[in-house]
Amino acid sequence: MQAEVQRAVEDYLNGVALSLQSLTSGKLIGLYLHGSAVQEDFDPERSDIDILGVLSDPLSPAQRDAIGTDLSFENRHVPAFGLELVLCTAQALDHPQLNCTYDFALSTGAYWGNEVEAEGTTSDILIWATLCRQDGVALVGKAAKIAFGPIPSALLRKALIAELEWHENNLNDGVTMFWDSNAVLNAARSVYAAKTSFILSKKQGGEWWLKSHPSETIVVDALARRNRKAKEPIERQAVQAFLQKAKAQIETM
């Protein structure tokens, strides 16, 4: 990450942490940066800032409204494609299940707009918790490797399949500029994660796949798109077929 970009991200993260500590009235016990920003795969024009927070107790409706307003891109410039913030109670994370409960979720950015959700469920939390345990950086609270327990491998595989199914149903949403490369590289790294319970960055996932499938041109094209060496999107049908191929491999494990 370039020094100027890194400073902007660090200043932004400090502001987010201070805001959440204030607006949650002592309920925030941990806040963790994960994803491309900690996996040396961050590009502010195509990467999100991904944060998972841990709460001692659920938020009130007024607290959710205040956080959604204060952290909206209109109020705070996001030095990235967008911010993905999810807050869960410690109880939900201590008892992981496929449909893991979250207490608050915010997606915000100039391309997305501002989307706030309260009290939902998603299997993605299992993937994010695994990423936090591996590489997460604590913005608030104890070290990520201590804060997050391991996710059972069978449960993680189900979450990875669910993520690939989400990609299948949301290809070319008209908002995410790199929908094609994101889907392909996520599929590649999901197969690796299903085998090892270790989640690579998207770039690493593509490179790993090519070591055993050097002629898989769709992965070559996805890496080229991610590295800005190709402008044309990958054909939607080809992306769909690769997602199905990856999912089938995980389902047999």
C-alpha atoms as a PDB file:
ATOM      1  CA  MET A   1       0.000   0.000   0.000  1.00  0.00           C
ATOM      2  CA  GLN A   2       1.398   3.396  -0.962  1.00  0.00           C
ATOM      3  CA  ALA A   3       2.377   5.621   1.973  1.00  0.00           C
ATOM      4  CA  GLU A   4      -0.206   8.301   1.152  1.00  0.00           C
ATOM      5  CA  VAL A   5      -2.986   5.726   0.836  1.00  0.00           C
ATOM      6  CA  GLN A   6      -1.883   4.007   4.034  1.00  0.00           C
ATOM      7  CA  ARG A   7      -2.015   7.276   5.981  1.00  0.00           C
ATOM      8  CA  ALA A   8      -5.496   8.017   4.664  1.00  0.00           C
ATOM      9  CA  VAL A   9      -6.709   4.536   5.604  1.00  0.00           C
ATOM     10  CA  GLU A  10      -5.140   4.713   9.071  1.00  0.00           C
ATOM     11  CA  ASP A  11      -6.730   8.119   9.742  1.00  0.00           C
ATOM     12  CA  TYR A  12     -10.082   6.790   8.563  1.00  0.00           C
ATOM     13  CA  LEU A  13      -9.841   3.672  10.746  1.00  0.00           C
ATOM     14  CA  ASN A  14      -8.954   5.761  13.789  1.00  0.00           C
ATOM     15  CA  GLY A  15     -12.037   7.882  13.161  1.00  0.00           C
ATOM     16  CA  VAL A  16     -14.281   4.843  12.748  1.00  0.00           C
ATOM     17  CA  ALA A  17     -12.949   3.270  15.952  1.00  0.00           C
ATOM     18  CA  LEU A  18     -13.456   6.462  17.978  1.00  0.00           C
ATOM     19  CA  SER A  19     -16.945   6.918  16.566  1.00  0.00           C
ATOM     20  CA  LEU A  20     -18.018   3.361  17.402  1.00  0.00           C
ATOM     21  CA  GLN A  21     -16.540   3.512  20.889  1.00  0.00           C
ATOM     22  CA  SER A  22     -18.535   6.681  21.547  1.00  0.00           C
ATOM     23  CA  LEU A  23     -21.812   5.703  19.882  1.00  0.00           C
ATOM     24  CA  THR A  24     -22.036   2.181  21.332  1.00  0.00           C
ATOM     25  CA  SER A  25     -21.784   3.460  24.933  1.00  0.00           C
ATOM     26  CA  GLY A  26     -19.259   0.888  26.097  1.00  0.00           C
ATOM     27  CA  LYS A  27     -20.808  -2.096  24.277  1.00  0.00           C
ATOM     28  CA  LEU A  28     -17.930  -2.355  21.773  1.00  0.00           C
ATOM     29  CA  ILE A  29     -15.380  -4.884  23.079  1.00  0.00           C
ATOM     30  CA  GLY A  30     -13.465  -5.506  19.864  1.00  0.00           C
ATOM     31  CA  LEU A  31     -13.074  -4.065  16.368  1.00  0.00           C
ATOM     32  CA  TYR A  32     -11.019  -5.824  13.679  1.00  0.00           C
ATOM     33  CA  LEU A  33      -9.783  -4.911  10.223  1.00  0.00           C
ATOM     34  CA  HIS A  34      -9.631  -7.860   7.836  1.00  0.00           C
ATOM     35  CA  GLY A  35      -9.669  -8.561   4.095  1.00  0.00           C
ATOM     36  CA  SER A  36      -7.466  -7.057   1.403  1.00  0.00           C
ATOM     37  CA  ALA A  37      -6.223  -4.227   3.633  1.00  0.00           C
ATOM     38  CA  VAL A  38      -4.341  -6.728   5.818  1.00  0.00           C
ATOM     39  CA  GLN A  39      -3.515  -9.262   3.087  1.00  0.00           C
ATOM     40  CA  GLU A  40      -1.333  -6.977   0.935  1.00  0.00           C
ATOM     41  CA  ASP A  41      -3.954  -6.921  -1.817  1.00  0.00           C
ATOM     42  CA  PHE A  42      -5.497  -3.475  -1.294  1.00  0.00           C
ATOM     43  CA  ASP A  43      -6.307  -1.026  -4.084  1.00  0.00           C
ATOM     44  CA  PRO A  44      -8.510   1.910  -3.020  1.00  0.00           C
ATOM     45  CA  GLU A  45     -10.260   1.978  -6.398  1.00  0.00           C
ATOM     46  CA  ARG A  46     -11.449  -1.636  -6.205  1.00  0.00           C
ATOM     47  CA  SER A  47     -11.060  -2.770  -2.595  1.00  0.00           C
ATOM     48  CA  ASP A  48     -13.379  -2.413   0.377  1.00  0.00           C
ATOM     49  CA  ILE A  49     -12.367  -1.617   3.915  1.00  0.00           C
ATOM     50  CA  ASP A  50     -13.691  -4.652   5.803  1.00  0.00           C
ATOM     51  CA  ILE A  51     -14.340  -4.414   9.548  1.00  0.00           C
ATOM     52  CA  LEU A  52     -15.886  -6.912  11.960  1.00  0.00           C
ATOM     53  CA  GLY A  53     -16.843  -5.699  15.427  1.00  0.00           C
ATOM     54  CA  VAL A  54     -17.738  -7.549  18.619  1.00  0.00           C
ATOM     55  CA  LEU A  55     -20.377  -6.247  21.035  1.00  0.00           C
ATOM     56  CA  SER A  56     -21.096  -7.205  24.628  1.00  0.00           C
ATOM     57  CA  ASP A  57     -24.834  -6.537  24.116  1.00  0.00           C
ATOM     58  CA  PRO A  58     -27.163  -5.672  21.234  1.00  0.00           C
ATOM     59  CA  LEU A  59     -27.408  -2.054  20.141  1.00  0.00           C
ATOM     60  CA  SER A  60     -30.498   0.068  20.619  1.00  0.00           C
ATOM     61  CA  PRO A  61     -32.369   1.355  17.544  1.00  0.00           C
ATOM     62  CA  ALA A  62     -31.100   4.852  18.335  1.00  0.00           C
ATOM     63  CA  GLN A  63     -27.492   3.625  18.436  1.00  0.00           C
ATOM     64  CA  ARG A  64     -27.891   1.874  15.081  1.00  0.00           C
ATOM     65  CA  ASP A  65     -29.329   5.035  13.531  1.00  0.00           C
ATOM     66  CA  ALA A  66     -26.510   7.172  14.932  1.00  0.00           C
ATOM     67  CA  ILE A  67     -23.789   4.822  13.640  1.00  0.00           C
ATOM     68  CA  GLY A  68     -25.381   4.590  10.201  1.00  0.00           C
ATOM     69  CA  THR A  69     -25.469   8.380   9.950  1.00  0.00           C
ATOM     70  CA  ASP A  70     -22.029   9.096  11.376  1.00  0.00           C
ATOM     71  CA  LEU A  71     -20.194   6.508   9.265  1.00  0.00           C
ATOM     72  CA  SER A  72     -22.066   7.139   6.018  1.00  0.00           C
ATOM     73  CA  PHE A  73     -19.883   8.089   3.064  1.00  0.00           C
ATOM     74  CA  GLU A  74     -21.672  11.446   2.894  1.00  0.00           C
ATOM     75  CA  ASN A  75     -20.400  12.227   6.377  1.00  0.00           C
ATOM     76  CA  ARG A  76     -16.980  10.532   6.252  1.00  0.00           C
ATOM     77  CA  HIS A  77     -14.987  10.102   3.082  1.00  0.00           C
ATOM     78  CA  VAL A  78     -14.125   6.427   2.617  1.00  0.00           C
ATOM     79  CA  PRO A  79     -10.566   6.134   1.199  1.00  0.00           C
ATOM     80  CA  ALA A  80     -11.553   2.962  -0.679  1.00  0.00           C
ATOM     81  CA  PHE A  81     -14.281   1.565  -2.927  1.00  0.00           C
ATOM     82  CA  GLY A  82     -16.459   1.300   0.161  1.00  0.00           C
ATOM     83  CA  LEU A  83     -16.778   0.332   3.821  1.00  0.00           C
ATOM     84  CA  GLU A  84     -18.234  -3.021   4.902  1.00  0.00           C
ATOM     85  CA  LEU A  85     -18.880  -2.935   8.647  1.00  0.00           C
ATOM     86  CA  VAL A  86     -20.602  -5.730  10.559  1.00  0.00           C
ATOM     87  CA  LEU A  87     -21.149  -5.804  14.325  1.00  0.00           C
ATOM     88  CA  CYS A  88     -21.984  -9.053  16.158  1.00  0.00           C
ATOM     89  CA  THR A  89     -22.471  -9.924  19.786  1.00  0.00           C
ATOM     90  CA  ALA A  90     -19.787 -12.009  21.457  1.00  0.00           C
ATOM     91  CA  GLN A  91     -22.425 -14.653  22.151  1.00  0.00           C
ATOM     92  CA  ALA A  92     -23.135 -15.058  18.418  1.00  0.00           C
ATOM     93  CA  LEU A  93     -19.430 -15.486  17.641  1.00  0.00           C
ATOM     94  CA  ASP A  94     -18.867 -17.869  20.568  1.00  0.00           C
ATOM     95  CA  HIS A  95     -21.541 -20.228  19.194  1.00  0.00           C
ATOM     96  CA  PRO A  96     -20.973 -20.186  15.411  1.00  0.00           C
ATOM     97  CA  GLN A  97     -23.641 -21.562  13.119  1.00  0.00           C
ATOM     98  CA  LEU A  98     -24.235 -21.312   9.390  1.00  0.00           C
ATOM     99  CA  ASN A  99     -26.836 -18.567   9.681  1.00  0.00           C
ATOM    100  CA  CYS A 100     -24.790 -16.499  12.105  1.00  0.00           C
ATOM    101  CA  THR A 101     -26.597 -13.532  13.646  1.00  0.00           C
ATOM    102  CA  TYR A 102     -25.343  -9.979  13.309  1.00  0.00           C
ATOM    103  CA  ASP A 103     -26.631  -6.960  15.198  1.00  0.00           C
ATOM    104  CA  PHE A 104     -25.754  -4.236  12.704  1.00  0.00           C
ATOM    105  CA  ALA A 105     -24.380  -4.022   9.171  1.00  0.00           C
ATOM    106  CA  LEU A 106     -23.378  -1.003   7.117  1.00  0.00           C
ATOM    107  CA  SER A 107     -22.294  -0.876   3.472  1.00  0.00           C
ATOM    108  CA  THR A 108     -21.357   2.621   2.377  1.00  0.00           C
ATOM    109  CA  GLY A 109     -19.438   4.197  -0.477  1.00  0.00           C
ATOM    110  CA  ALA A 110     -19.798   6.613  -3.336  1.00  0.00           C
ATOM    111  CA  TYR A 111     -20.689   3.799  -5.775  1.00  0.00           C
ATOM    112  CA  TRP A 112     -23.009   1.879  -3.421  1.00  0.00           C
ATOM    113  CA  GLY A 113     -24.799   4.592  -1.546  1.00  0.00           C
ATOM    114  CA  ASN A 114     -25.597   3.919   2.100  1.00  0.00           C
ATOM    115  CA  GLU A 115     -27.228   0.649   3.190  1.00  0.00           C
ATOM    116  CA  VAL A 116     -27.925  -0.099   6.860  1.00  0.00           C
ATOM    117  CA  GLU A 117     -29.236  -3.420   8.127  1.00  0.00           C
ATOM    118  CA  ALA A 118     -30.183  -4.391  11.665  1.00  0.00           C
ATOM    119  CA  GLU A 119     -30.463  -7.843  13.173  1.00  0.00           C
ATOM    120  CA  GLY A 120     -29.924 -10.234  10.293  1.00  0.00           C
ATOM    121  CA  THR A 121     -28.089 -13.469   9.591  1.00  0.00           C
ATOM    122  CA  THR A 122     -25.333 -14.395   7.150  1.00  0.00           C
ATOM    123  CA  SER A 123     -22.888 -17.256   6.711  1.00  0.00           C
ATOM    124  CA  ASP A 124     -20.229 -14.736   5.620  1.00  0.00           C
ATOM    125  CA  ILE A 125     -19.492 -14.035   9.284  1.00  0.00           C
ATOM    126  CA  LEU A 126     -17.819 -17.452   9.519  1.00  0.00           C
ATOM    127  CA  ILE A 127     -15.450 -16.468   6.704  1.00  0.00           C
ATOM    128  CA  TRP A 128     -14.769 -13.049   8.201  1.00  0.00           C
ATOM    129  CA  ALA A 129     -14.091 -14.544  11.646  1.00  0.00           C
ATOM    130  CA  THR A 130     -11.616 -16.954  10.044  1.00  0.00           C
ATOM    131  CA  LEU A 131      -9.914 -14.041   8.272  1.00  0.00           C
ATOM    132  CA  CYS A 132      -9.748 -12.070  11.519  1.00  0.00           C
ATOM    133  CA  ARG A 133      -8.201 -15.015  13.373  1.00  0.00           C
ATOM    134  CA  GLN A 134      -5.592 -15.393  10.596  1.00  0.00           C
ATOM    135  CA  ASP A 135      -4.631 -11.846   9.724  1.00  0.00           C
ATOM    136  CA  GLY A 136      -6.966  -9.444  11.496  1.00  0.00           C
ATOM    137  CA  VAL A 137      -5.683  -6.203  12.987  1.00  0.00           C
ATOM    138  CA  ALA A 138      -7.263  -5.094  16.263  1.00  0.00           C
ATOM    139  CA  LEU A 139      -8.472  -1.482  16.149  1.00  0.00           C
ATOM    140  CA  VAL A 140     -10.133  -1.924  19.534  1.00  0.00           C
ATOM    141  CA  GLY A 141      -9.766  -4.786  22.009  1.00  0.00           C
ATOM    142  CA  LYS A 142      -7.541  -7.821  22.383  1.00  0.00           C
ATOM    143  CA  ALA A 143      -5.513  -9.405  19.597  1.00  0.00           C
ATOM    144  CA  ALA A 144      -7.569 -11.056  16.861  1.00  0.00           C
ATOM    145  CA  LYS A 145      -5.896 -14.459  17.297  1.00  0.00           C
ATOM    146  CA  ILE A 146      -7.171 -14.478  20.883  1.00  0.00           C
ATOM    147  CA  ALA A 147     -10.555 -12.879  20.240  1.00  0.00           C
ATOM    148  CA  PHE A 148     -11.697 -15.375  17.577  1.00  0.00           C
ATOM    149  CA  GLY A 149     -11.859 -19.126  17.960  1.00  0.00           C
ATOM    150  CA  PRO A 150     -11.434 -21.539  15.033  1.00  0.00           C
ATOM    151  CA  ILE A 151     -14.479 -22.229  12.852  1.00  0.00           C
ATOM    152  CA  PRO A 152     -15.132 -25.981  12.342  1.00  0.00           C
ATOM    153  CA  SER A 153     -13.945 -26.945   8.852  1.00  0.00           C
ATOM    154  CA  ALA A 154     -17.273 -28.506   7.816  1.00  0.00           C
ATOM    155  CA  LEU A 155     -19.101 -25.315   8.810  1.00  0.00           C
ATOM    156  CA  LEU A 156     -16.567 -23.146   6.966  1.00  0.00           C
ATOM    157  CA  ARG A 157     -17.020 -25.202   3.794  1.00  0.00           C
ATOM    158  CA  LYS A 158     -20.784 -24.612   3.929  1.00  0.00           C
ATOM    159  CA  ALA A 159     -20.161 -20.881   4.288  1.00  0.00           C
ATOM    160  CA  LEU A 160     -17.790 -20.916   1.305  1.00  0.00           C
ATOM    161  CA  ILE A 161     -20.422 -22.670  -0.818  1.00  0.00           C
ATOM    162  CA  ALA A 162     -23.016 -20.098   0.247  1.00  0.00           C
ATOM    163  CA  GLU A 163     -20.670 -17.273  -0.799  1.00  0.00           C
ATOM    164  CA  LEU A 164     -20.181 -18.818  -4.247  1.00  0.00           C
ATOM    165  CA  GLU A 165     -23.951 -19.175  -4.600  1.00  0.00           C
ATOM    166  CA  TRP A 166     -24.256 -15.478  -3.753  1.00  0.00           C
ATOM    167  CA  HIS A 167     -21.822 -14.687  -6.565  1.00  0.00           C
ATOM    168  CA  GLU A 168     -23.848 -16.854  -8.951  1.00  0.00           C
ATOM    169  CA  ASN A 169     -26.975 -14.871  -8.132  1.00  0.00           C
ATOM    170  CA  ASN A 170     -25.342 -11.439  -8.198  1.00  0.00           C
ATOM    171  CA  LEU A 171     -23.070 -11.385 -11.225  1.00  0.00           C
ATOM    172  CA  ASN A 172     -22.605  -8.003 -12.889  1.00  0.00           C
ATOM    173  CA  ASP A 173     -24.694  -5.994 -10.430  1.00  0.00           C
ATOM    174  CA  GLY A 174     -23.919  -2.772 -12.283  1.00  0.00           C
ATOM    175  CA  VAL A 175     -22.122  -1.337  -9.242  1.00  0.00           C
ATOM    176  CA  THR A 176     -19.041  -3.462  -8.587  1.00  0.00           C
ATOM    177  CA  MET A 177     -16.587  -2.673 -11.376  1.00  0.00           C
ATOM    178  CA  PHE A 178     -14.581  -5.874 -10.930  1.00  0.00           C
ATOM    179  CA  TRP A 179     -17.503  -8.261 -10.372  1.00  0.00           C
ATOM    180  CA  ASP A 180     -16.018 -10.787 -12.806  1.00  0.00           C
ATOM    181  CA  SER A 181     -12.501 -11.026 -11.367  1.00  0.00           C
ATOM    182  CA  ASN A 182     -13.832 -10.879  -7.800  1.00  0.00           C
ATOM    183  CA  ALA A 183     -16.101 -13.857  -8.448  1.00  0.00           C
ATOM    184  CA  VAL A 184     -13.448 -15.960 -10.210  1.00  0.00           C
ATOM    185  CA  LEU A 185     -10.683 -15.284  -7.696  1.00  0.00           C
ATOM    186  CA  ASN A 186     -13.055 -15.769  -4.761  1.00  0.00           C
ATOM    187  CA  ALA A 187     -13.962 -19.147  -6.224  1.00  0.00           C
ATOM    188  CA  ALA A 188     -10.319 -20.155  -6.568  1.00  0.00           C
ATOM    189  CA  ARG A 189      -9.413 -19.161  -3.027  1.00  0.00           C
ATOM    190  CA  SER A 190     -12.572 -20.805  -1.684  1.00  0.00           C
ATOM    191  CA  VAL A 191     -11.381 -24.184  -2.938  1.00  0.00           C
ATOM    192  CA  TYR A 192      -8.062 -23.626  -1.160  1.00  0.00           C
ATOM    193  CA  ALA A 193      -9.865 -22.566   2.028  1.00  0.00           C
ATOM    194  CA  ALA A 194     -12.115 -25.615   1.882  1.00  0.00           C
ATOM    195  CA  LYS A 195      -9.022 -27.820   1.771  1.00  0.00           C
ATOM    196  CA  THR A 196      -6.953 -26.015   4.386  1.00  0.00           C
ATOM    197  CA  SER A 197      -9.270 -23.736   6.445  1.00  0.00           C
ATOM    198  CA  PHE A 198      -6.861 -20.925   5.496  1.00  0.00           C
ATOM    199  CA  ILE A 199      -8.176 -18.040   3.400  1.00  0.00           C
ATOM    200  CA  LEU A 200      -5.792 -16.521   0.890  1.00  0.00           C
ATOM    201  CA  SER A 201      -6.171 -13.078  -0.642  1.00  0.00           C
ATOM    202  CA  LYS A 202      -7.948 -13.025  -3.991  1.00  0.00           C
ATOM    203  CA  LYS A 203      -4.647 -12.522  -5.802  1.00  0.00           C
ATOM    204  CA  GLN A 204      -2.990 -15.381  -3.904  1.00  0.00           C
ATOM    205  CA  GLY A 205      -6.000 -17.588  -4.585  1.00  0.00           C
ATOM    206  CA  GLY A 206      -5.681 -17.064  -8.318  1.00  0.00           C
ATOM    207  CA  GLU A 207      -1.943 -17.685  -8.260  1.00  0.00           C
ATOM    208  CA  TRP A 208      -2.445 -20.874  -6.226  1.00  0.00           C
ATOM    209  CA  TRP A 209      -5.015 -22.160  -8.710  1.00  0.00           C
ATOM    210  CA  LEU A 210      -2.705 -21.608 -11.664  1.00  0.00           C
ATOM    211  CA  LYS A 211       0.042 -23.716 -10.092  1.00  0.00           C
ATOM    212  CA  SER A 212      -2.090 -26.807 -10.626  1.00  0.00           C
ATOM    213  CA  HIS A 213      -4.224 -25.498 -13.521  1.00  0.00           C
ATOM    214  CA  PRO A 214      -1.760 -23.407 -15.586  1.00  0.00           C
ATOM    215  CA  SER A 215      -3.961 -23.449 -18.675  1.00  0.00           C
ATOM    216  CA  GLU A 216      -7.082 -22.138 -16.880  1.00  0.00           C
ATOM    217  CA  THR A 217      -7.382 -18.954 -18.924  1.00  0.00           C
ATOM    218  CA  ILE A 218     -10.317 -17.567 -16.955  1.00  0.00           C
ATOM    219  CA  VAL A 219      -8.095 -17.283 -13.858  1.00  0.00           C
ATOM    220  CA  VAL A 220      -5.311 -15.705 -15.930  1.00  0.00           C
ATOM    221  CA  ASP A 221      -7.873 -13.191 -17.221  1.00  0.00           C
ATOM    222  CA  ALA A 222      -9.212 -12.539 -13.706  1.00  0.00           C
ATOM    223  CA  LEU A 223      -5.728 -11.735 -12.404  1.00  0.00           C
ATOM    224  CA  ALA A 224      -5.126  -9.480 -15.402  1.00  0.00           C
ATOM    225  CA  ARG A 225      -8.365  -7.632 -14.656  1.00  0.00           C
ATOM    226  CA  ARG A 226      -7.416  -7.274 -10.993  1.00  0.00           C
ATOM    227  CA  ASN A 227      -3.981  -5.942 -11.982  1.00  0.00           C
ATOM    228  CA  ARG A 228      -5.558  -3.515 -14.485  1.00  0.00           C
ATOM    229  CA  LYS A 229      -3.915  -5.232 -17.437  1.00  0.00           C
ATOM    230  CA  ALA A 230      -7.248  -6.083 -19.069  1.00  0.00           C
ATOM    231  CA  LYS A 231     -10.224  -3.766 -19.519  1.00  0.00           C
ATOM    232  CA  GLU A 232     -12.898  -6.028 -20.961  1.00  0.00           C
ATOM    233  CA  PRO A 233     -14.982  -7.982 -18.427  1.00  0.00           C
ATOM    234  CA  ILE A 234     -14.877 -11.762 -18.534  1.00  0.00           C
ATOM    235  CA  GLU A 235     -17.901 -13.317 -20.189  1.00  0.00           C
ATOM    236  CA  ARG A 236     -20.663 -13.800 -17.644  1.00  0.00           C
ATOM    237  CA  GLN A 237     -21.401 -17.385 -18.731  1.00  0.00           C
ATOM    238  CA  ALA A 238     -17.745 -18.364 -18.263  1.00  0.00           C
ATOM    239  CA  VAL A 239     -17.698 -16.868 -14.765  1.00  0.00           C
ATOM    240  CA  GLN A 240     -20.870 -18.762 -13.904  1.00  0.00           C
ATOM    241  CA  ALA A 241     -19.362 -22.033 -15.114  1.00  0.00           C
ATOM    242  CA  PHE A 242     -16.186 -21.502 -13.059  1.00  0.00           C
ATOM    243  CA  LEU A 243     -18.211 -20.781  -9.933  1.00  0.00           C
ATOM    244  CA  GLN A 244     -20.138 -24.002 -10.425  1.00  0.00           C
ATOM    245  CA  LYS A 245     -16.900 -25.933 -10.954  1.00  0.00           C
ATOM    246  CA  ALA A 246     -15.401 -24.587  -7.730  1.00  0.00           C
ATOM    247  CA  LYS A 247     -18.576 -25.242  -5.785  1.00  0.00           C
ATOM    248  CA  ALA A 248     -18.714 -28.828  -7.031  1.00  0.00           C
ATOM    249  CA  GLN A 249     -15.148 -29.415  -5.821  1.00  0.00           C
ATOM    250  CA  ILE A 250     -15.944 -28.099  -2.350  1.00  0.00           C
ATOM    251  CA  GLU A 251     -19.116 -30.167  -2.123  1.00  0.00           C
ATOM    252  CA  THR A 252     -17.128 -33.383  -2.595  1.00  0.00           C
ATOM    253  CA  MET A 253     -14.715 -32.633   0.280  1.00  0.00           C
END
